[in-house]
């Protein structure tokens, strides 16, 4: 279940970058949030 949630989170981040969708990310400070925001920053669009 945890791996599924992580895959969904990554997919949601990619959809924001690729398709311009909107996302509520419930995540407090920590390595998981840092990883997802880094993935967001690596997208084609600047933030």
ModelCIF file with pLDDT and N, C-alpha, C, O atoms, coordinates in Angstrom:
data_MODEL
#
_entry.id   MODEL 
#
_entity.id                         1 
_entity.type                       polymer 
_entity.pdbx_number_of_molecules   1 
#
_entity_poly.entity_id                      1 
_entity_poly.type                           'polypeptide(L)' 
_entity_poly.nstd_linkage                   no 
_entity_poly.nstd_monomer                   no 
_entity_poly.pdbx_seq_one_letter_code       
;(UNK)(UNK)(UNK)(UNK)(UNK)(UNK)(UNK)(UNK)(UNK)(UNK)(UNK)(UNK)(UNK)(UNK)(UNK)(UNK)
(UNK)(UNK)(UNK)(UNK)(UNK)(UNK)(UNK)(UNK)(UNK)(UNK)(UNK)(UNK)(UNK)(UNK)(UNK)(UNK)
(UNK)(UNK)(UNK)(UNK)(UNK)(UNK)(UNK)(UNK)(UNK)(UNK)(UNK)(UNK)(UNK)(UNK)(UNK)
;
_entity_poly.pdbx_seq_one_letter_code_can   XXXXXXXXXXXXXXXXXXXXXXXXXXXXXXXXXXXXXXXXXXXXXXX 
_entity_poly.pdbx_strand_id                 A 
#
loop_
_entity_poly_seq.entity_id 
_entity_poly_seq.num 
_entity_poly_seq.mon_id 
_entity_poly_seq.hetero 
1 1  UNK n 
1 2  UNK n 
1 3  UNK n 
1 4  UNK n 
1 5  UNK n 
1 6  UNK n 
1 7  UNK n 
1 8  UNK n 
1 9  UNK n 
1 10 UNK n 
1 11 UNK n 
1 12 UNK n 
1 13 UNK n 
1 14 UNK n 
1 15 UNK n 
1 16 UNK n 
1 17 UNK n 
1 18 UNK n 
1 19 UNK n 
1 20 UNK n 
1 21 UNK n 
1 22 UNK n 
1 23 UNK n 
1 24 UNK n 
1 25 UNK n 
1 26 UNK n 
1 27 UNK n 
1 28 UNK n 
1 29 UNK n 
1 30 UNK n 
1 31 UNK n 
1 32 UNK n 
1 33 UNK n 
1 34 UNK n 
1 35 UNK n 
1 36 UNK n 
1 37 UNK n 
1 38 UNK n 
1 39 UNK n 
1 40 UNK n 
1 41 UNK n 
1 42 UNK n 
1 43 UNK n 
1 44 UNK n 
1 45 UNK n 
1 46 UNK n 
1 47 UNK n 
#
_struct_asym.id          A 
_struct_asym.entity_id   1 
#
loop_
_ma_qa_metric.id 
_ma_qa_metric.mode 
_ma_qa_metric.name 
_ma_qa_metric.software_group_id 
_ma_qa_metric.type 
1 global pLDDT . pLDDT 
2 local  pLDDT . pLDDT 
#
_ma_qa_metric_global.metric_id      1 
_ma_qa_metric_global.metric_value   82.91 
_ma_qa_metric_global.model_id       1 
_ma_qa_metric_global.ordinal_id     1 
#
loop_
_ma_qa_metric_local.label_asym_id 
_ma_qa_metric_local.label_comp_id 
_ma_qa_metric_local.label_seq_id 
_ma_qa_metric_local.metric_id 
_ma_qa_metric_local.metric_value 
_ma_qa_metric_local.model_id 
_ma_qa_metric_local.ordinal_id 
A UNK 1  2 73.00 1 1  
A UNK 2  2 77.00 1 2  
A UNK 3  2 79.00 1 3  
A UNK 4  2 81.00 1 4  
A UNK 5  2 82.00 1 5  
A UNK 6  2 85.00 1 6  
A UNK 7  2 86.00 1 7  
A UNK 8  2 87.00 1 8  
A UNK 9  2 88.00 1 9  
A UNK 10 2 87.00 1 10 
A UNK 11 2 90.00 1 11 
A UNK 12 2 91.00 1 12 
A UNK 13 2 89.00 1 13 
A UNK 14 2 89.00 1 14 
A UNK 15 2 91.00 1 15 
A UNK 16 2 90.00 1 16 
A UNK 17 2 86.00 1 17 
A UNK 18 2 87.00 1 18 
A UNK 19 2 89.00 1 19 
A UNK 20 2 89.00 1 20 
A UNK 21 2 92.00 1 21 
A UNK 22 2 93.00 1 22 
A UNK 23 2 92.00 1 23 
A UNK 24 2 91.00 1 24 
A UNK 25 2 89.00 1 25 
A UNK 26 2 86.00 1 26 
A UNK 27 2 84.00 1 27 
A UNK 28 2 80.00 1 28 
A UNK 29 2 80.00 1 29 
A UNK 30 2 81.00 1 30 
A UNK 31 2 83.00 1 31 
A UNK 32 2 84.00 1 32 
A UNK 33 2 85.00 1 33 
A UNK 34 2 85.00 1 34 
A UNK 35 2 84.00 1 35 
A UNK 36 2 86.00 1 36 
A UNK 37 2 84.00 1 37 
A UNK 38 2 83.00 1 38 
A UNK 39 2 82.00 1 39 
A UNK 40 2 79.00 1 40 
A UNK 41 2 70.00 1 41 
A UNK 42 2 63.00 1 42 
A UNK 43 2 58.00 1 43 
A UNK 44 2 56.00 1 44 
A UNK 45 2 63.00 1 45 
A UNK 46 2 82.00 1 46 
A UNK 47 2 86.00 1 47 
#
loop_
_atom_site.group_PDB 
_atom_site.id 
_atom_site.type_symbol 
_atom_site.label_atom_id 
_atom_site.label_alt_id 
_atom_site.label_comp_id 
_atom_site.label_asym_id 
_atom_site.label_entity_id 
_atom_site.label_seq_id 
_atom_site.pdbx_PDB_ins_code 
_atom_site.Cartn_x 
_atom_site.Cartn_y 
_atom_site.Cartn_z 
_atom_site.occupancy 
_atom_site.B_iso_or_equiv 
_atom_site.pdbx_formal_charge 
_atom_site.auth_seq_id 
_atom_site.auth_comp_id 
_atom_site.auth_asym_id 
_atom_site.auth_atom_id 
_atom_site.pdbx_PDB_model_num 
ATOM 1   N N  . UNK A 1 1  ? 0.828  -1.207 0.000   1.00 73.00 ? 1  UNK A N  1 
ATOM 2   C CA . UNK A 1 1  ? 0.000  0.000  0.000   1.00 73.00 ? 1  UNK A CA 1 
ATOM 3   C C  . UNK A 1 1  ? 0.863  1.258  0.000   1.00 73.00 ? 1  UNK A C  1 
ATOM 4   O O  . UNK A 1 1  ? 0.535  2.242  -0.663  1.00 73.00 ? 1  UNK A O  1 
ATOM 5   N N  . UNK A 1 2  ? 1.983  1.220  0.757   1.00 77.00 ? 2  UNK A N  1 
ATOM 6   C CA . UNK A 1 2  ? 2.871  2.386  0.808   1.00 77.00 ? 2  UNK A CA 1 
ATOM 7   C C  . UNK A 1 2  ? 3.501  2.647  -0.555  1.00 77.00 ? 2  UNK A C  1 
ATOM 8   O O  . UNK A 1 2  ? 3.612  3.795  -0.984  1.00 77.00 ? 2  UNK A O  1 
ATOM 9   N N  . UNK A 1 3  ? 3.915  1.575  -1.237  1.00 79.00 ? 3  UNK A N  1 
ATOM 10  C CA . UNK A 1 3  ? 4.505  1.745  -2.571  1.00 79.00 ? 3  UNK A CA 1 
ATOM 11  C C  . UNK A 1 3  ? 3.484  2.294  -3.549  1.00 79.00 ? 3  UNK A C  1 
ATOM 12  O O  . UNK A 1 3  ? 3.804  3.122  -4.402  1.00 79.00 ? 3  UNK A O  1 
ATOM 13  N N  . UNK A 1 4  ? 2.239  1.818  -3.415  1.00 81.00 ? 4  UNK A N  1 
ATOM 14  C CA . UNK A 1 4  ? 1.176  2.338  -4.283  1.00 81.00 ? 4  UNK A CA 1 
ATOM 15  C C  . UNK A 1 4  ? 0.961  3.829  -4.050  1.00 81.00 ? 4  UNK A C  1 
ATOM 16  O O  . UNK A 1 4  ? 0.806  4.590  -5.005  1.00 81.00 ? 4  UNK A O  1 
ATOM 17  N N  . UNK A 1 5  ? 0.952  4.254  -2.778  1.00 82.00 ? 5  UNK A N  1 
ATOM 18  C CA . UNK A 1 5  ? 0.769  5.672  -2.473  1.00 82.00 ? 5  UNK A CA 1 
ATOM 19  C C  . UNK A 1 5  ? 1.924  6.500  -3.019  1.00 82.00 ? 5  UNK A C  1 
ATOM 20  O O  . UNK A 1 5  ? 1.719  7.598  -3.535  1.00 82.00 ? 5  UNK A O  1 
ATOM 21  N N  . UNK A 1 6  ? 3.139  5.968  -2.904  1.00 85.00 ? 6  UNK A N  1 
ATOM 22  C CA . UNK A 1 6  ? 4.286  6.711  -3.422  1.00 85.00 ? 6  UNK A CA 1 
ATOM 23  C C  . UNK A 1 6  ? 4.216  6.829  -4.932  1.00 85.00 ? 6  UNK A C  1 
ATOM 24  O O  . UNK A 1 6  ? 4.534  7.881  -5.487  1.00 85.00 ? 6  UNK A O  1 
ATOM 25  N N  . UNK A 1 7  ? 3.798  5.749  -5.613  1.00 86.00 ? 7  UNK A N  1 
ATOM 26  C CA . UNK A 1 7  ? 3.670  5.823  -7.066  1.00 86.00 ? 7  UNK A CA 1 
ATOM 27  C C  . UNK A 1 7  ? 2.595  6.837  -7.458  1.00 86.00 ? 7  UNK A C  1 
ATOM 28  O O  . UNK A 1 7  ? 2.779  7.600  -8.406  1.00 86.00 ? 7  UNK A O  1 
ATOM 29  N N  . UNK A 1 8  ? 1.482  6.846  -6.736  1.00 87.00 ? 8  UNK A N  1 
ATOM 30  C CA . UNK A 1 8  ? 0.426  7.823  -7.026  1.00 87.00 ? 8  UNK A CA 1 
ATOM 31  C C  . UNK A 1 8  ? 0.936  9.247  -6.824  1.00 87.00 ? 8  UNK A C  1 
ATOM 32  O O  . UNK A 1 8  ? 0.623  10.140 -7.612  1.00 87.00 ? 8  UNK A O  1 
ATOM 33  N N  . UNK A 1 9  ? 1.725  9.459  -5.765  1.00 88.00 ? 9  UNK A N  1 
ATOM 34  C CA . UNK A 1 9  ? 2.257  10.798 -5.509  1.00 88.00 ? 9  UNK A CA 1 
ATOM 35  C C  . UNK A 1 9  ? 3.185  11.236 -6.640  1.00 88.00 ? 9  UNK A C  1 
ATOM 36  O O  . UNK A 1 9  ? 3.123  12.373 -7.105  1.00 88.00 ? 9  UNK A O  1 
ATOM 37  N N  . UNK A 1 10 ? 4.037  10.324 -7.069  1.00 87.00 ? 10 UNK A N  1 
ATOM 38  C CA . UNK A 1 10 ? 4.938  10.664 -8.176  1.00 87.00 ? 10 UNK A CA 1 
ATOM 39  C C  . UNK A 1 10 ? 4.150  10.934 -9.459  1.00 87.00 ? 10 UNK A C  1 
ATOM 40  O O  . UNK A 1 10 ? 4.449  11.872 -10.198 1.00 87.00 ? 10 UNK A O  1 
ATOM 41  N N  . UNK A 1 11 ? 3.141  10.099 -9.710  1.00 90.00 ? 11 UNK A N  1 
ATOM 42  C CA . UNK A 1 11 ? 2.327  10.308 -10.910 1.00 90.00 ? 11 UNK A CA 1 
ATOM 43  C C  . UNK A 1 11 ? 1.612  11.646 -10.861 1.00 90.00 ? 11 UNK A C  1 
ATOM 44  O O  . UNK A 1 11 ? 1.525  12.339 -11.874 1.00 90.00 ? 11 UNK A O  1 
ATOM 45  N N  . UNK A 1 12 ? 1.097  12.020 -9.687  1.00 91.00 ? 12 UNK A N  1 
ATOM 46  C CA . UNK A 1 12 ? 0.407  13.305 -9.553  1.00 91.00 ? 12 UNK A CA 1 
ATOM 47  C C  . UNK A 1 12 ? 1.359  14.467 -9.808  1.00 91.00 ? 12 UNK A C  1 
ATOM 48  O O  . UNK A 1 12 ? 0.997  15.431 -10.481 1.00 91.00 ? 12 UNK A O  1 
ATOM 49  N N  . UNK A 1 13 ? 2.574  14.378 -9.274  1.00 89.00 ? 13 UNK A N  1 
ATOM 50  C CA . UNK A 1 13 ? 3.580  15.422 -9.514  1.00 89.00 ? 13 UNK A CA 1 
ATOM 51  C C  . UNK A 1 13 ? 3.870  15.547 -11.006 1.00 89.00 ? 13 UNK A C  1 
ATOM 52  O O  . UNK A 1 13 ? 3.965  16.654 -11.535 1.00 89.00 ? 13 UNK A O  1 
ATOM 53  N N  . UNK A 1 14 ? 4.009  14.418 -11.675 1.00 89.00 ? 14 UNK A N  1 
ATOM 54  C CA . UNK A 1 14 ? 4.297  14.445 -13.113 1.00 89.00 ? 14 UNK A CA 1 
ATOM 55  C C  . UNK A 1 14 ? 3.128  15.031 -13.902 1.00 89.00 ? 14 UNK A C  1 
ATOM 56  O O  . UNK A 1 14 ? 3.334  15.726 -14.897 1.00 89.00 ? 14 UNK A O  1 
ATOM 57  N N  . UNK A 1 15 ? 1.902  14.753 -13.458 1.00 91.00 ? 15 UNK A N  1 
ATOM 58  C CA . UNK A 1 15 ? 0.741  15.285 -14.173 1.00 91.00 ? 15 UNK A CA 1 
ATOM 59  C C  . UNK A 1 15 ? 0.639  16.797 -14.019 1.00 91.00 ? 15 UNK A C  1 
ATOM 60  O O  . UNK A 1 15 ? 0.187  17.485 -14.935 1.00 91.00 ? 15 UNK A O  1 
ATOM 61  N N  . UNK A 1 16 ? 1.052  17.315 -12.875 1.00 90.00 ? 16 UNK A N  1 
ATOM 62  C CA . UNK A 1 16 ? 1.080  18.769 -12.719 1.00 90.00 ? 16 UNK A CA 1 
ATOM 63  C C  . UNK A 1 16 ? 2.079  19.375 -13.699 1.00 90.00 ? 16 UNK A C  1 
ATOM 64  O O  . UNK A 1 16 ? 1.795  20.379 -14.353 1.00 90.00 ? 16 UNK A O  1 
ATOM 65  N N  . UNK A 1 17 ? 3.261  18.746 -13.792 1.00 86.00 ? 17 UNK A N  1 
ATOM 66  C CA . UNK A 1 17 ? 4.308  19.266 -14.677 1.00 86.00 ? 17 UNK A CA 1 
ATOM 67  C C  . UNK A 1 17 ? 3.937  19.122 -16.148 1.00 86.00 ? 17 UNK A C  1 
ATOM 68  O O  . UNK A 1 17 ? 4.155  20.035 -16.944 1.00 86.00 ? 17 UNK A O  1 
ATOM 69  N N  . UNK A 1 18 ? 3.374  17.965 -16.503 1.00 87.00 ? 18 UNK A N  1 
ATOM 70  C CA . UNK A 1 18 ? 3.134  17.676 -17.918 1.00 87.00 ? 18 UNK A CA 1 
ATOM 71  C C  . UNK A 1 18 ? 1.822  18.254 -18.438 1.00 87.00 ? 18 UNK A C  1 
ATOM 72  O O  . UNK A 1 18 ? 1.757  18.764 -19.557 1.00 87.00 ? 18 UNK A O  1 
ATOM 73  N N  . UNK A 1 19 ? 0.767  18.167 -17.605 1.00 89.00 ? 19 UNK A N  1 
ATOM 74  C CA . UNK A 1 19 ? -0.566 18.538 -18.092 1.00 89.00 ? 19 UNK A CA 1 
ATOM 75  C C  . UNK A 1 19 ? -1.119 19.792 -17.443 1.00 89.00 ? 19 UNK A C  1 
ATOM 76  O O  . UNK A 1 19 ? -2.217 20.223 -17.796 1.00 89.00 ? 19 UNK A O  1 
ATOM 77  N N  . UNK A 1 20 ? -0.393 20.399 -16.497 1.00 89.00 ? 20 UNK A N  1 
ATOM 78  C CA . UNK A 1 20 ? -0.872 21.625 -15.868 1.00 89.00 ? 20 UNK A CA 1 
ATOM 79  C C  . UNK A 1 20 ? -2.066 21.415 -14.958 1.00 89.00 ? 20 UNK A C  1 
ATOM 80  O O  . UNK A 1 20 ? -2.876 22.328 -14.793 1.00 89.00 ? 20 UNK A O  1 
ATOM 81  N N  . UNK A 1 21 ? -2.203 20.212 -14.350 1.00 92.00 ? 21 UNK A N  1 
ATOM 82  C CA . UNK A 1 21 ? -3.315 19.955 -13.435 1.00 92.00 ? 21 UNK A CA 1 
ATOM 83  C C  . UNK A 1 21 ? -3.016 20.550 -12.065 1.00 92.00 ? 21 UNK A C  1 
ATOM 84  O O  . UNK A 1 21 ? -1.917 21.044 -11.816 1.00 92.00 ? 21 UNK A O  1 
ATOM 85  N N  . UNK A 1 22 ? -4.008 20.496 -11.182 1.00 93.00 ? 22 UNK A N  1 
ATOM 86  C CA . UNK A 1 22 ? -3.846 21.049 -9.834  1.00 93.00 ? 22 UNK A CA 1 
ATOM 87  C C  . UNK A 1 22 ? -3.801 19.916 -8.822  1.00 93.00 ? 22 UNK A C  1 
ATOM 88  O O  . UNK A 1 22 ? -4.435 18.878 -9.010  1.00 93.00 ? 22 UNK A O  1 
ATOM 89  N N  . UNK A 1 23 ? -3.040 20.124 -7.736  1.00 92.00 ? 23 UNK A N  1 
ATOM 90  C CA . UNK A 1 23 ? -2.782 19.062 -6.769  1.00 92.00 ? 23 UNK A CA 1 
ATOM 91  C C  . UNK A 1 23 ? -2.705 19.640 -5.370  1.00 92.00 ? 23 UNK A C  1 
ATOM 92  O O  . UNK A 1 23 ? -2.068 20.668 -5.142  1.00 92.00 ? 23 UNK A O  1 
ATOM 93  N N  . UNK A 1 24 ? -3.367 18.961 -4.427  1.00 91.00 ? 24 UNK A N  1 
ATOM 94  C CA . UNK A 1 24 ? -3.162 19.217 -3.003  1.00 91.00 ? 24 UNK A CA 1 
ATOM 95  C C  . UNK A 1 24 ? -2.257 18.113 -2.485  1.00 91.00 ? 24 UNK A C  1 
ATOM 96  O O  . UNK A 1 24 ? -2.622 16.938 -2.512  1.00 91.00 ? 24 UNK A O  1 
ATOM 97  N N  . UNK A 1 25 ? -1.093 18.486 -2.021  1.00 89.00 ? 25 UNK A N  1 
ATOM 98  C CA . UNK A 1 25 ? -0.103 17.525 -1.514  1.00 89.00 ? 25 UNK A CA 1 
ATOM 99  C C  . UNK A 1 25 ? -0.018 17.666 -0.006  1.00 89.00 ? 25 UNK A C  1 
ATOM 100 O O  . UNK A 1 25 ? 0.547  18.635 0.502   1.00 89.00 ? 25 UNK A O  1 
ATOM 101 N N  . UNK A 1 26 ? -0.572 16.713 0.702   1.00 86.00 ? 26 UNK A N  1 
ATOM 102 C CA . UNK A 1 26 ? -0.507 16.754 2.168   1.00 86.00 ? 26 UNK A CA 1 
ATOM 103 C C  . UNK A 1 26 ? 0.780  16.066 2.601   1.00 86.00 ? 26 UNK A C  1 
ATOM 104 O O  . UNK A 1 26 ? 0.871  14.839 2.621   1.00 86.00 ? 26 UNK A O  1 
ATOM 105 N N  . UNK A 1 27 ? 1.762  16.874 2.943   1.00 84.00 ? 27 UNK A N  1 
ATOM 106 C CA . UNK A 1 27 ? 3.081  16.344 3.287   1.00 84.00 ? 27 UNK A CA 1 
ATOM 107 C C  . UNK A 1 27 ? 3.800  17.342 4.171   1.00 84.00 ? 27 UNK A C  1 
ATOM 108 O O  . UNK A 1 27 ? 3.914  18.519 3.830   1.00 84.00 ? 27 UNK A O  1 
ATOM 109 N N  . UNK A 1 28 ? 4.278  16.874 5.295   1.00 80.00 ? 28 UNK A N  1 
ATOM 110 C CA . UNK A 1 28 ? 5.049  17.736 6.184   1.00 80.00 ? 28 UNK A CA 1 
ATOM 111 C C  . UNK A 1 28 ? 6.524  17.655 5.822   1.00 80.00 ? 28 UNK A C  1 
ATOM 112 O O  . UNK A 1 28 ? 6.925  16.837 4.994   1.00 80.00 ? 28 UNK A O  1 
ATOM 113 N N  . UNK A 1 29 ? 7.328  18.508 6.448   1.00 80.00 ? 29 UNK A N  1 
ATOM 114 C CA . UNK A 1 29 ? 8.757  18.536 6.162   1.00 80.00 ? 29 UNK A CA 1 
ATOM 115 C C  . UNK A 1 29 ? 9.360  17.162 6.390   1.00 80.00 ? 29 UNK A C  1 
ATOM 116 O O  . UNK A 1 29 ? 9.065  16.509 7.390   1.00 80.00 ? 29 UNK A O  1 
ATOM 117 N N  . UNK A 1 30 ? 10.212 16.718 5.458   1.00 81.00 ? 30 UNK A N  1 
ATOM 118 C CA . UNK A 1 30 ? 10.843 15.418 5.583   1.00 81.00 ? 30 UNK A CA 1 
ATOM 119 C C  . UNK A 1 30 ? 11.383 14.956 4.248   1.00 81.00 ? 30 UNK A C  1 
ATOM 120 O O  . UNK A 1 30 ? 11.228 15.646 3.241   1.00 81.00 ? 30 UNK A O  1 
ATOM 121 N N  . UNK A 1 31 ? 12.019 13.791 4.229   1.00 83.00 ? 31 UNK A N  1 
ATOM 122 C CA . UNK A 1 31 ? 12.645 13.313 2.981   1.00 83.00 ? 31 UNK A CA 1 
ATOM 123 C C  . UNK A 1 31 ? 11.636 13.015 1.875   1.00 83.00 ? 31 UNK A C  1 
ATOM 124 O O  . UNK A 1 31 ? 11.938 13.219 0.699   1.00 83.00 ? 31 UNK A O  1 
ATOM 125 N N  . UNK A 1 32 ? 10.445 12.539 2.229   1.00 84.00 ? 32 UNK A N  1 
ATOM 126 C CA . UNK A 1 32 ? 9.456  12.232 1.197   1.00 84.00 ? 32 UNK A CA 1 
ATOM 127 C C  . UNK A 1 32 ? 9.016  13.512 0.498   1.00 84.00 ? 32 UNK A C  1 
ATOM 128 O O  . UNK A 1 32 ? 8.958  13.569 -0.730  1.00 84.00 ? 32 UNK A O  1 
ATOM 129 N N  . UNK A 1 33 ? 8.707  14.532 1.281   1.00 85.00 ? 33 UNK A N  1 
ATOM 130 C CA . UNK A 1 33 ? 8.310  15.812 0.682   1.00 85.00 ? 33 UNK A CA 1 
ATOM 131 C C  . UNK A 1 33 ? 9.443  16.406 -0.132  1.00 85.00 ? 33 UNK A C  1 
ATOM 132 O O  . UNK A 1 33 ? 9.211  16.929 -1.222  1.00 85.00 ? 33 UNK A O  1 
ATOM 133 N N  . UNK A 1 34 ? 10.672 16.336 0.382   1.00 85.00 ? 34 UNK A N  1 
ATOM 134 C CA . UNK A 1 34 ? 11.815 16.872 -0.357  1.00 85.00 ? 34 UNK A CA 1 
ATOM 135 C C  . UNK A 1 34 ? 11.986 16.145 -1.694  1.00 85.00 ? 34 UNK A C  1 
ATOM 136 O O  . UNK A 1 34 ? 12.285 16.768 -2.713  1.00 85.00 ? 34 UNK A O  1 
ATOM 137 N N  . UNK A 1 35 ? 11.793 14.824 -1.679  1.00 84.00 ? 35 UNK A N  1 
ATOM 138 C CA . UNK A 1 35 ? 11.914 14.052 -2.919  1.00 84.00 ? 35 UNK A CA 1 
ATOM 139 C C  . UNK A 1 35 ? 10.860 14.476 -3.940  1.00 84.00 ? 35 UNK A C  1 
ATOM 140 O O  . UNK A 1 35 ? 11.167 14.644 -5.120  1.00 84.00 ? 35 UNK A O  1 
ATOM 141 N N  . UNK A 1 36 ? 9.625  14.646 -3.487  1.00 86.00 ? 36 UNK A N  1 
ATOM 142 C CA . UNK A 1 36 ? 8.554  15.004 -4.411  1.00 86.00 ? 36 UNK A CA 1 
ATOM 143 C C  . UNK A 1 36 ? 8.738  16.418 -4.960  1.00 86.00 ? 36 UNK A C  1 
ATOM 144 O O  . UNK A 1 36 ? 8.506  16.658 -6.145  1.00 86.00 ? 36 UNK A O  1 
ATOM 145 N N  . UNK A 1 37 ? 9.156  17.355 -4.103  1.00 84.00 ? 37 UNK A N  1 
ATOM 146 C CA . UNK A 1 37 ? 9.375  18.719 -4.585  1.00 84.00 ? 37 UNK A CA 1 
ATOM 147 C C  . UNK A 1 37 ? 10.569 18.785 -5.529  1.00 84.00 ? 37 UNK A C  1 
ATOM 148 O O  . UNK A 1 37 ? 10.577 19.586 -6.463  1.00 84.00 ? 37 UNK A O  1 
ATOM 149 N N  . UNK A 1 38 ? 11.573 17.951 -5.292  1.00 83.00 ? 38 UNK A N  1 
ATOM 150 C CA . UNK A 1 38 ? 12.703 17.891 -6.224  1.00 83.00 ? 38 UNK A CA 1 
ATOM 151 C C  . UNK A 1 38 ? 12.237 17.354 -7.575  1.00 83.00 ? 38 UNK A C  1 
ATOM 152 O O  . UNK A 1 38 ? 12.670 17.829 -8.625  1.00 83.00 ? 38 UNK A O  1 
ATOM 153 N N  . UNK A 1 39 ? 11.357 16.366 -7.538  1.00 82.00 ? 39 UNK A N  1 
ATOM 154 C CA . UNK A 1 39 ? 10.812 15.834 -8.787  1.00 82.00 ? 39 UNK A CA 1 
ATOM 155 C C  . UNK A 1 39 ? 9.983  16.904 -9.497  1.00 82.00 ? 39 UNK A C  1 
ATOM 156 O O  . UNK A 1 39 ? 9.982  16.989 -10.725 1.00 82.00 ? 39 UNK A O  1 
ATOM 157 N N  . UNK A 1 40 ? 9.278  17.721 -8.708  1.00 79.00 ? 40 UNK A N  1 
ATOM 158 C CA . UNK A 1 40 ? 8.497  18.811 -9.278  1.00 79.00 ? 40 UNK A CA 1 
ATOM 159 C C  . UNK A 1 40 ? 9.413  19.832 -9.946  1.00 79.00 ? 40 UNK A C  1 
ATOM 160 O O  . UNK A 1 40 ? 9.119  20.313 -11.041 1.00 79.00 ? 40 UNK A O  1 
ATOM 161 N N  . UNK A 1 41 ? 10.520 20.162 -9.287  1.00 70.00 ? 41 UNK A N  1 
ATOM 162 C CA . UNK A 1 41 ? 11.442 21.165 -9.825  1.00 70.00 ? 41 UNK A CA 1 
ATOM 163 C C  . UNK A 1 41 ? 12.150 20.680 -11.082 1.00 70.00 ? 41 UNK A C  1 
ATOM 164 O O  . UNK A 1 41 ? 12.602 21.489 -11.893 1.00 70.00 ? 41 UNK A O  1 
ATOM 165 N N  . UNK A 1 42 ? 12.250 19.360 -11.248 1.00 63.00 ? 42 UNK A N  1 
ATOM 166 C CA . UNK A 1 42 ? 12.921 18.819 -12.419 1.00 63.00 ? 42 UNK A CA 1 
ATOM 167 C C  . UNK A 1 42 ? 12.018 18.774 -13.642 1.00 63.00 ? 42 UNK A C  1 
ATOM 168 O O  . UNK A 1 42 ? 12.454 18.418 -14.737 1.00 63.00 ? 42 UNK A O  1 
ATOM 169 N N  . UNK A 1 43 ? 10.745 19.141 -13.441 1.00 58.00 ? 43 UNK A N  1 
ATOM 170 C CA . UNK A 1 43 ? 9.814  19.151 -14.574 1.00 58.00 ? 43 UNK A CA 1 
ATOM 171 C C  . UNK A 1 43 ? 10.188 20.214 -15.587 1.00 58.00 ? 43 UNK A C  1 
ATOM 172 O O  . UNK A 1 43 ? 11.092 21.024 -15.379 1.00 58.00 ? 43 UNK A O  1 
ATOM 173 N N  . UNK A 1 44 ? 9.467  20.182 -16.682 1.00 56.00 ? 44 UNK A N  1 
ATOM 174 C CA . UNK A 1 44 ? 9.787  21.105 -17.768 1.00 56.00 ? 44 UNK A CA 1 
ATOM 175 C C  . UNK A 1 44 ? 9.442  22.547 -17.401 1.00 56.00 ? 44 UNK A C  1 
ATOM 176 O O  . UNK A 1 44 ? 10.070 23.469 -17.920 1.00 56.00 ? 44 UNK A O  1 
ATOM 177 N N  . UNK A 1 45 ? 8.472  22.766 -16.529 1.00 63.00 ? 45 UNK A N  1 
ATOM 178 C CA . UNK A 1 45 ? 8.017  24.114 -16.210 1.00 63.00 ? 45 UNK A CA 1 
ATOM 179 C C  . UNK A 1 45 ? 8.752  24.622 -14.972 1.00 63.00 ? 45 UNK A C  1 
ATOM 180 O O  . UNK A 1 45 ? 9.026  23.849 -14.054 1.00 63.00 ? 45 UNK A O  1 
ATOM 181 N N  . UNK A 1 46 ? 9.073  25.912 -14.941 1.00 82.00 ? 46 UNK A N  1 
ATOM 182 C CA . UNK A 1 46 ? 9.640  26.513 -13.749 1.00 82.00 ? 46 UNK A CA 1 
ATOM 183 C C  . UNK A 1 46 ? 8.534  26.784 -12.738 1.00 82.00 ? 46 UNK A C  1 
ATOM 184 O O  . UNK A 1 46 ? 7.351  26.752 -13.077 1.00 82.00 ? 46 UNK A O  1 
ATOM 185 N N  . UNK A 1 47 ? 8.927  27.049 -11.495 1.00 86.00 ? 47 UNK A N  1 
ATOM 186 C CA . UNK A 1 47 ? 7.980  27.121 -10.388 1.00 86.00 ? 47 UNK A CA 1 
ATOM 187 C C  . UNK A 1 47 ? 8.034  28.501 -9.751  1.00 86.00 ? 47 UNK A C  1 
ATOM 188 O O  . UNK A 1 47 ? 7.306  28.767 -8.795  1.00 86.00 ? 47 UNK A O  1 
#
